[in-house]
């Protein structure tokens, strides 16, 4: 697994990226591709201590990334952070 912050570029707002949230209780949930839900996830991850992962599809394979800098993710979806 790779870390999103280690990439020169990560397509946080791409509709091709699939986000997955893992709660402290080990509940796994796929995040729907709606801006409001992605914004809500920013606050949930930040406040609840959940983990956020993303699958970024490539030409020949898809890679799993840990969204390890939630502030970078949030800047794509939360107006107050821009």
PDB file of N, CA and C in Angstrom:
ATOM      1  N   UNK A   1       0.856  -1.169   0.000  1.00  0.00           N
ATOM      2  CA  UNK A   1       0.000   0.000   0.000  1.00  0.00           C
ATOM      3  C   UNK A   1       0.904   1.234   0.000  1.00  0.00           C
ATOM      4  N   UNK A   2       0.468   2.229  -0.739  1.00  0.00           N
ATOM      5  CA  UNK A   2       1.224   3.471  -0.852  1.00  0.00           C
ATOM      6  C   UNK A   2       0.511   4.579  -0.093  1.00  0.00           C
ATOM      7  N   UNK A   3       1.216   5.685   0.096  1.00  0.00           N
ATOM      8  CA  UNK A   3       0.638   6.850   0.786  1.00  0.00           C
ATOM      9  C   UNK A   3       0.403   7.954  -0.243  1.00  0.00           C
ATOM     10  N   UNK A   4      -0.771   8.552  -0.191  1.00  0.00           N
ATOM     11  CA  UNK A   4      -1.123   9.601  -1.155  1.00  0.00           C
ATOM     12  C   UNK A   4      -0.185  10.794  -1.044  1.00  0.00           C
ATOM     13  N   UNK A   5       0.273  11.103   0.162  1.00  0.00           N
ATOM     14  CA  UNK A   5       1.134  12.275   0.356  1.00  0.00           C
ATOM     15  C   UNK A   5       2.514  12.109  -0.274  1.00  0.00           C
ATOM     16  N   UNK A   6       2.900  10.888  -0.581  1.00  0.00           N
ATOM     17  CA  UNK A   6       4.206  10.637  -1.184  1.00  0.00           C
ATOM     18  C   UNK A   6       4.198  10.814  -2.699  1.00  0.00           C
ATOM     19  N   UNK A   7       3.042  11.056  -3.266  1.00  0.00           N
ATOM     20  CA  UNK A   7       2.924  11.228  -4.709  1.00  0.00           C
ATOM     21  C   UNK A   7       3.139  12.690  -5.076  1.00  0.00           C
ATOM     22  N   UNK A   8       3.731  12.925  -6.239  1.00  0.00           N
ATOM     23  CA  UNK A   8       3.850  14.299  -6.727  1.00  0.00           C
ATOM     24  C   UNK A   8       2.465  14.881  -6.997  1.00  0.00           C
ATOM     25  N   UNK A   9       1.550  14.005  -7.374  1.00  0.00           N
ATOM     26  CA  UNK A   9       0.178  14.416  -7.670  1.00  0.00           C
ATOM     27  C   UNK A   9      -0.736  13.273  -7.258  1.00  0.00           C
ATOM     28  N   UNK A  10      -1.839  13.605  -6.623  1.00  0.00           N
ATOM     29  CA  UNK A  10      -2.866  12.607  -6.337  1.00  0.00           C
ATOM     30  C   UNK A  10      -4.204  13.203  -6.744  1.00  0.00           C
ATOM     31  N   UNK A  11      -4.989  12.476  -7.548  1.00  0.00           N
ATOM     32  CA  UNK A  11      -6.250  13.014  -8.080  1.00  0.00           C
ATOM     33  C   UNK A  11      -7.412  12.905  -7.092  1.00  0.00           C
ATOM     34  N   UNK A  12      -7.342  13.652  -6.005  1.00  0.00           N
ATOM     35  CA  UNK A  12      -8.372  13.573  -4.962  1.00  0.00           C
ATOM     36  C   UNK A  12      -9.780  13.763  -5.516  1.00  0.00           C
ATOM     37  N   UNK A  13      -9.952  14.641  -6.479  1.00  0.00           N
ATOM     38  CA  UNK A  13     -11.298  14.945  -6.979  1.00  0.00           C
ATOM     39  C   UNK A  13     -11.700  14.130  -8.213  1.00  0.00           C
ATOM     40  N   UNK A  14     -10.871  13.215  -8.628  1.00  0.00           N
ATOM     41  CA  UNK A  14     -11.198  12.400  -9.803  1.00  0.00           C
ATOM     42  C   UNK A  14     -12.379  11.479  -9.508  1.00  0.00           C
ATOM     43  N   UNK A  15     -13.283  11.384 -10.445  1.00  0.00           N
ATOM     44  CA  UNK A  15     -14.422  10.475 -10.306  1.00  0.00           C
ATOM     45  C   UNK A  15     -14.009   9.023 -10.485  1.00  0.00           C
ATOM     46  N   UNK A  16     -12.789   8.793 -10.927  1.00  0.00           N
ATOM     47  CA  UNK A  16     -12.289   7.430 -11.102  1.00  0.00           C
ATOM     48  C   UNK A  16     -11.731   6.839  -9.814  1.00  0.00           C
ATOM     49  N   UNK A  17     -11.442   7.691  -8.844  1.00  0.00           N
ATOM     50  CA  UNK A  17     -10.875   7.231  -7.572  1.00  0.00           C
ATOM     51  C   UNK A  17     -12.005   6.765  -6.658  1.00  0.00           C
ATOM     52  N   UNK A  18     -11.848   5.570  -6.126  1.00  0.00           N
ATOM     53  CA  UNK A  18     -12.828   4.989  -5.215  1.00  0.00           C
ATOM     54  C   UNK A  18     -12.298   5.148  -3.792  1.00  0.00           C
ATOM     55  N   UNK A  19     -13.091   5.767  -2.907  1.00  0.00           N
ATOM     56  CA  UNK A  19     -12.688   5.976  -1.518  1.00  0.00           C
ATOM     57  C   UNK A  19     -13.361   4.964  -0.606  1.00  0.00           C
ATOM     58  N   UNK A  20     -12.596   4.530   0.392  1.00  0.00           N
ATOM     59  CA  UNK A  20     -13.064   3.549   1.354  1.00  0.00           C
ATOM     60  C   UNK A  20     -12.701   4.041   2.744  1.00  0.00           C
ATOM     61  N   UNK A  21     -13.685   4.040   3.646  1.00  0.00           N
ATOM     62  CA  UNK A  21     -13.448   4.460   5.033  1.00  0.00           C
ATOM     63  C   UNK A  21     -13.421   3.235   5.928  1.00  0.00           C
ATOM     64  N   UNK A  22     -12.438   3.200   6.837  1.00  0.00           N
ATOM     65  CA  UNK A  22     -12.323   2.142   7.826  1.00  0.00           C
ATOM     66  C   UNK A  22     -12.448   2.785   9.199  1.00  0.00           C
ATOM     67  N   UNK A  23     -13.483   2.405   9.940  1.00  0.00           N
ATOM     68  CA  UNK A  23     -13.713   2.994  11.260  1.00  0.00           C
ATOM     69  C   UNK A  23     -12.849   2.299  12.313  1.00  0.00           C
ATOM     70  N   UNK A  24     -12.823   2.882  13.508  1.00  0.00           N
ATOM     71  CA  UNK A  24     -12.098   2.276  14.626  1.00  0.00           C
ATOM     72  C   UNK A  24     -12.667   0.902  14.970  1.00  0.00           C
ATOM     73  N   UNK A  25     -13.973   0.713  14.694  1.00  0.00           N
ATOM     74  CA  UNK A  25     -14.640  -0.567  14.968  1.00  0.00           C
ATOM     75  C   UNK A  25     -14.457  -1.567  13.834  1.00  0.00           C
ATOM     76  N   UNK A  26     -13.576  -1.228  12.890  1.00  0.00           N
ATOM     77  CA  UNK A  26     -13.253  -2.097  11.740  1.00  0.00           C
ATOM     78  C   UNK A  26     -14.410  -2.235  10.757  1.00  0.00           C
ATOM     79  N   UNK A  27     -15.301  -1.259  10.746  1.00  0.00           N
ATOM     80  CA  UNK A  27     -16.386  -1.229   9.765  1.00  0.00           C
ATOM     81  C   UNK A  27     -15.837  -0.594   8.489  1.00  0.00           C
ATOM     82  N   UNK A  28     -16.109  -1.224   7.365  1.00  0.00           N
ATOM     83  CA  UNK A  28     -15.631  -0.737   6.067  1.00  0.00           C
ATOM     84  C   UNK A  28     -16.816  -0.188   5.293  1.00  0.00           C
ATOM     85  N   UNK A  29     -16.606   0.986   4.693  1.00  0.00           N
ATOM     86  CA  UNK A  29     -17.693   1.624   3.932  1.00  0.00           C
ATOM     87  C   UNK A  29     -17.133   2.310   2.705  1.00  0.00           C
ATOM     88  N   UNK A  30     -17.706   2.014   1.556  1.00  0.00           N
ATOM     89  CA  UNK A  30     -17.325   2.716   0.326  1.00  0.00           C
ATOM     90  C   UNK A  30     -18.019   4.073   0.310  1.00  0.00           C
ATOM     91  N   UNK A  31     -17.287   5.093  -0.083  1.00  0.00           N
ATOM     92  CA  UNK A  31     -17.816   6.445  -0.124  1.00  0.00           C
ATOM     93  C   UNK A  31     -18.416   6.693  -1.502  1.00  0.00           C
ATOM     94  N   UNK A  32     -19.649   7.175  -1.512  1.00  0.00           N
ATOM     95  CA  UNK A  32     -20.315   7.479  -2.776  1.00  0.00           C
ATOM     96  C   UNK A  32     -19.639   8.669  -3.454  1.00  0.00           C
ATOM     97  N   UNK A  33     -19.774   8.742  -4.736  1.00  0.00           N
ATOM     98  CA  UNK A  33     -19.088   9.773  -5.524  1.00  0.00           C
ATOM     99  C   UNK A  33     -19.907  11.067  -5.588  1.00  0.00           C
ATOM    100  N   UNK A  34     -20.248  11.597  -4.424  1.00  0.00           N
ATOM    101  CA  UNK A  34     -20.960  12.860  -4.319  1.00  0.00           C
ATOM    102  C   UNK A  34     -20.101  13.825  -3.518  1.00  0.00           C
ATOM    103  N   UNK A  35     -20.012  15.064  -3.957  1.00  0.00           N
ATOM    104  CA  UNK A  35     -19.161  16.045  -3.294  1.00  0.00           C
ATOM    105  C   UNK A  35     -19.544  16.201  -1.828  1.00  0.00           C
ATOM    106  N   UNK A  36     -20.835  16.269  -1.519  1.00  0.00           N
ATOM    107  CA  UNK A  36     -21.257  16.451  -0.132  1.00  0.00           C
ATOM    108  C   UNK A  36     -20.801  15.289   0.748  1.00  0.00           C
ATOM    109  N   UNK A  37     -20.929  14.083   0.249  1.00  0.00           N
ATOM    110  CA  UNK A  37     -20.504  12.933   1.047  1.00  0.00           C
ATOM    111  C   UNK A  37     -18.989  12.938   1.238  1.00  0.00           C
ATOM    112  N   UNK A  38     -18.248  13.317   0.206  1.00  0.00           N
ATOM    113  CA  UNK A  38     -16.791  13.388   0.332  1.00  0.00           C
ATOM    114  C   UNK A  38     -16.380  14.481   1.315  1.00  0.00           C
ATOM    115  N   UNK A  39     -17.128  15.548   1.365  1.00  0.00           N
ATOM    116  CA  UNK A  39     -16.893  16.613   2.340  1.00  0.00           C
ATOM    117  C   UNK A  39     -17.197  16.105   3.746  1.00  0.00           C
ATOM    118  N   UNK A  40     -18.308  15.413   3.920  1.00  0.00           N
ATOM    119  CA  UNK A  40     -18.676  14.858   5.219  1.00  0.00           C
ATOM    120  C   UNK A  40     -17.624  13.876   5.724  1.00  0.00           C
ATOM    121  N   UNK A  41     -17.073  13.100   4.826  1.00  0.00           N
ATOM    122  CA  UNK A  41     -16.055  12.117   5.205  1.00  0.00           C
ATOM    123  C   UNK A  41     -14.819  12.806   5.764  1.00  0.00           C
ATOM    124  N   UNK A  42     -14.470  13.954   5.209  1.00  0.00           N
ATOM    125  CA  UNK A  42     -13.326  14.710   5.734  1.00  0.00           C
ATOM    126  C   UNK A  42     -13.511  14.955   7.231  1.00  0.00           C
ATOM    127  N   UNK A  43     -14.678  15.451   7.625  1.00  0.00           N
ATOM    128  CA  UNK A  43     -14.928  15.752   9.032  1.00  0.00           C
ATOM    129  C   UNK A  43     -15.004  14.492   9.881  1.00  0.00           C
ATOM    130  N   UNK A  44     -15.592  13.441   9.338  1.00  0.00           N
ATOM    131  CA  UNK A  44     -15.680  12.185  10.098  1.00  0.00           C
ATOM    132  C   UNK A  44     -14.301  11.591  10.355  1.00  0.00           C
ATOM    133  N   UNK A  45     -13.476  11.561   9.331  1.00  0.00           N
ATOM    134  CA  UNK A  45     -12.128  11.001   9.491  1.00  0.00           C
ATOM    135  C   UNK A  45     -11.327  11.851  10.474  1.00  0.00           C
ATOM    136  N   UNK A  46     -11.441  13.142  10.330  1.00  0.00           N
ATOM    137  CA  UNK A  46     -10.685  14.045  11.197  1.00  0.00           C
ATOM    138  C   UNK A  46     -11.140  13.941  12.658  1.00  0.00           C
ATOM    139  N   UNK A  47     -12.435  13.841  12.897  1.00  0.00           N
ATOM    140  CA  UNK A  47     -12.966  13.855  14.259  1.00  0.00           C
ATOM    141  C   UNK A  47     -13.083  12.471  14.907  1.00  0.00           C
ATOM    142  N   UNK A  48     -13.315  11.451  14.108  1.00  0.00           N
ATOM    143  CA  UNK A  48     -13.532  10.110  14.656  1.00  0.00           C
ATOM    144  C   UNK A  48     -12.270   9.262  14.688  1.00  0.00           C
ATOM    145  N   UNK A  49     -11.257   9.682  13.969  1.00  0.00           N
ATOM    146  CA  UNK A  49     -10.046   8.876  13.911  1.00  0.00           C
ATOM    147  C   UNK A  49     -10.144   7.696  12.962  1.00  0.00           C
ATOM    148  N   UNK A  50     -11.116   7.742  12.063  1.00  0.00           N
ATOM    149  CA  UNK A  50     -11.232   6.697  11.048  1.00  0.00           C
ATOM    150  C   UNK A  50     -10.068   6.822  10.068  1.00  0.00           C
ATOM    151  N   UNK A  51      -9.877   5.812   9.273  1.00  0.00           N
ATOM    152  CA  UNK A  51      -8.859   5.826   8.226  1.00  0.00           C
ATOM    153  C   UNK A  51      -9.556   5.935   6.877  1.00  0.00           C
ATOM    154  N   UNK A  52      -8.918   6.642   5.952  1.00  0.00           N
ATOM    155  CA  UNK A  52      -9.462   6.793   4.614  1.00  0.00           C
ATOM    156  C   UNK A  52      -8.462   6.225   3.618  1.00  0.00           C
ATOM    157  N   UNK A  53      -8.972   5.405   2.712  1.00  0.00           N
ATOM    158  CA  UNK A  53      -8.150   4.791   1.682  1.00  0.00           C
ATOM    159  C   UNK A  53      -8.756   5.113   0.328  1.00  0.00           C
ATOM    160  N   UNK A  54      -7.929   5.008  -0.699  1.00  0.00           N
ATOM    161  CA  UNK A  54      -8.405   5.262  -2.054  1.00  0.00           C
ATOM    162  C   UNK A  54      -7.789   4.260  -3.012  1.00  0.00           C
ATOM    163  N   UNK A  55      -8.587   3.850  -3.970  1.00  0.00           N
ATOM    164  CA  UNK A  55      -8.088   3.011  -5.058  1.00  0.00           C
ATOM    165  C   UNK A  55      -8.012   3.898  -6.288  1.00  0.00           C
ATOM    166  N   UNK A  56      -6.814   4.023  -6.810  1.00  0.00           N
ATOM    167  CA  UNK A  56      -6.558   4.858  -7.989  1.00  0.00           C
ATOM    168  C   UNK A  56      -6.285   3.924  -9.155  1.00  0.00           C
ATOM    169  N   UNK A  57      -7.220   3.842 -10.108  1.00  0.00           N
ATOM    170  CA  UNK A  57      -7.023   2.940 -11.231  1.00  0.00           C
ATOM    171  C   UNK A  57      -5.979   3.473 -12.208  1.00  0.00           C
ATOM    172  N   UNK A  58      -5.131   2.580 -12.638  1.00  0.00           N
ATOM    173  CA  UNK A  58      -4.126   2.922 -13.637  1.00  0.00           C
ATOM    174  C   UNK A  58      -4.438   2.238 -14.951  1.00  0.00           C
ATOM    175  N   UNK A  59      -3.520   2.351 -15.875  1.00  0.00           N
ATOM    176  CA  UNK A  59      -3.740   1.756 -17.190  1.00  0.00           C
ATOM    177  C   UNK A  59      -3.701   0.229 -17.132  1.00  0.00           C
ATOM    178  N   UNK A  60      -2.790  -0.315 -16.321  1.00  0.00           N
ATOM    179  CA  UNK A  60      -2.625  -1.765 -16.262  1.00  0.00           C
ATOM    180  C   UNK A  60      -2.995  -2.374 -14.912  1.00  0.00           C
ATOM    181  N   UNK A  61      -3.067  -1.553 -13.883  1.00  0.00           N
ATOM    182  CA  UNK A  61      -3.445  -2.052 -12.562  1.00  0.00           C
ATOM    183  C   UNK A  61      -3.989  -0.895 -11.723  1.00  0.00           C
ATOM    184  N   UNK A  62      -4.616  -1.249 -10.624  1.00  0.00           N
ATOM    185  CA  UNK A  62      -5.128  -0.245  -9.690  1.00  0.00           C
ATOM    186  C   UNK A  62      -4.304  -0.321  -8.414  1.00  0.00           C
ATOM    187  N   UNK A  63      -4.021   0.822  -7.824  1.00  0.00           N
ATOM    188  CA  UNK A  63      -3.212   0.870  -6.617  1.00  0.00           C
ATOM    189  C   UNK A  63      -4.044   1.365  -5.441  1.00  0.00           C
ATOM    190  N   UNK A  64      -3.731   0.833  -4.254  1.00  0.00           N
ATOM    191  CA  UNK A  64      -4.387   1.232  -3.020  1.00  0.00           C
ATOM    192  C   UNK A  64      -3.509   2.247  -2.307  1.00  0.00           C
ATOM    193  N   UNK A  65      -4.125   3.351  -1.872  1.00  0.00           N
ATOM    194  CA  UNK A  65      -3.414   4.421  -1.195  1.00  0.00           C
ATOM    195  C   UNK A  65      -4.071   4.713   0.141  1.00  0.00           C
ATOM    196  N   UNK A  66      -3.257   4.980   1.133  1.00  0.00           N
ATOM    197  CA  UNK A  66      -3.761   5.519   2.380  1.00  0.00           C
ATOM    198  C   UNK A  66      -3.794   7.033   2.225  1.00  0.00           C
ATOM    199  N   UNK A  67      -4.924   7.648   2.538  1.00  0.00           N
ATOM    200  CA  UNK A  67      -5.017   9.111   2.528  1.00  0.00           C
ATOM    201  C   UNK A  67      -4.479   9.553   3.883  1.00  0.00           C
ATOM    202  N   UNK A  68      -3.185   9.769   3.940  1.00  0.00           N
ATOM    203  CA  UNK A  68      -2.499  10.021   5.203  1.00  0.00           C
ATOM    204  C   UNK A  68      -2.403  11.496   5.567  1.00  0.00           C
ATOM    205  N   UNK A  69      -2.762  12.370   4.656  1.00  0.00           N
ATOM    206  CA  UNK A  69      -2.824  13.806   4.961  1.00  0.00           C
ATOM    207  C   UNK A  69      -4.247  14.262   4.660  1.00  0.00           C
ATOM    208  N   UNK A  70      -5.095  14.178   5.680  1.00  0.00           N
ATOM    209  CA  UNK A  70      -6.516  14.470   5.491  1.00  0.00           C
ATOM    210  C   UNK A  70      -6.751  15.924   5.108  1.00  0.00           C
ATOM    211  N   UNK A  71      -5.833  16.814   5.464  1.00  0.00           N
ATOM    212  CA  UNK A  71      -5.979  18.225   5.095  1.00  0.00           C
ATOM    213  C   UNK A  71      -5.847  18.417   3.587  1.00  0.00           C
ATOM    214  N   UNK A  72      -4.941  17.707   2.945  1.00  0.00           N
ATOM    215  CA  UNK A  72      -4.823  17.793   1.482  1.00  0.00           C
ATOM    216  C   UNK A  72      -6.106  17.301   0.812  1.00  0.00           C
ATOM    217  N   UNK A  73      -6.640  16.206   1.316  1.00  0.00           N
ATOM    218  CA  UNK A  73      -7.911  15.697   0.814  1.00  0.00           C
ATOM    219  C   UNK A  73      -9.008  16.735   1.016  1.00  0.00           C
ATOM    220  N   UNK A  74      -9.078  17.309   2.205  1.00  0.00           N
ATOM    221  CA  UNK A  74     -10.113  18.268   2.546  1.00  0.00           C
ATOM    222  C   UNK A  74     -10.099  19.508   1.678  1.00  0.00           C
ATOM    223  N   UNK A  75      -8.936  19.931   1.241  1.00  0.00           N
ATOM    224  CA  UNK A  75      -8.842  21.122   0.399  1.00  0.00           C
ATOM    225  C   UNK A  75      -9.579  20.960  -0.923  1.00  0.00           C
ATOM    226  N   UNK A  76      -9.807  19.744  -1.340  1.00  0.00           N
ATOM    227  CA  UNK A  76     -10.550  19.489  -2.581  1.00  0.00           C
ATOM    228  C   UNK A  76     -12.057  19.643  -2.382  1.00  0.00           C
ATOM    229  N   UNK A  77     -12.528  19.432  -1.152  1.00  0.00           N
ATOM    230  CA  UNK A  77     -13.977  19.344  -0.933  1.00  0.00           C
ATOM    231  C   UNK A  77     -14.552  20.348   0.056  1.00  0.00           C
ATOM    232  N   UNK A  78     -13.752  20.871   0.943  1.00  0.00           N
ATOM    233  CA  UNK A  78     -14.267  21.748   1.995  1.00  0.00           C
ATOM    234  C   UNK A  78     -13.903  23.191   1.652  1.00  0.00           C
ATOM    235  N   UNK A  79     -14.909  24.016   1.399  1.00  0.00           N
ATOM    236  CA  UNK A  79     -14.696  25.393   0.963  1.00  0.00           C
ATOM    237  C   UNK A  79     -13.881  26.212   1.951  1.00  0.00           C
ATOM    238  N   UNK A  80     -14.086  25.972   3.252  1.00  0.00           N
ATOM    239  CA  UNK A  80     -13.397  26.755   4.267  1.00  0.00           C
ATOM    240  C   UNK A  80     -11.886  26.505   4.268  1.00  0.00           C
ATOM    241  N   UNK A  81     -11.443  25.391   3.708  1.00  0.00           N
ATOM    242  CA  UNK A  81     -10.021  25.051   3.713  1.00  0.00           C
ATOM    243  C   UNK A  81      -9.286  25.607   2.496  1.00  0.00           C
ATOM    244  N   UNK A  82     -10.011  26.070   1.509  1.00  0.00           N
ATOM    245  CA  UNK A  82      -9.387  26.498   0.251  1.00  0.00           C
ATOM    246  C   UNK A  82      -8.703  27.833   0.400  1.00  0.00           C
TER     247      UNK A  82
END
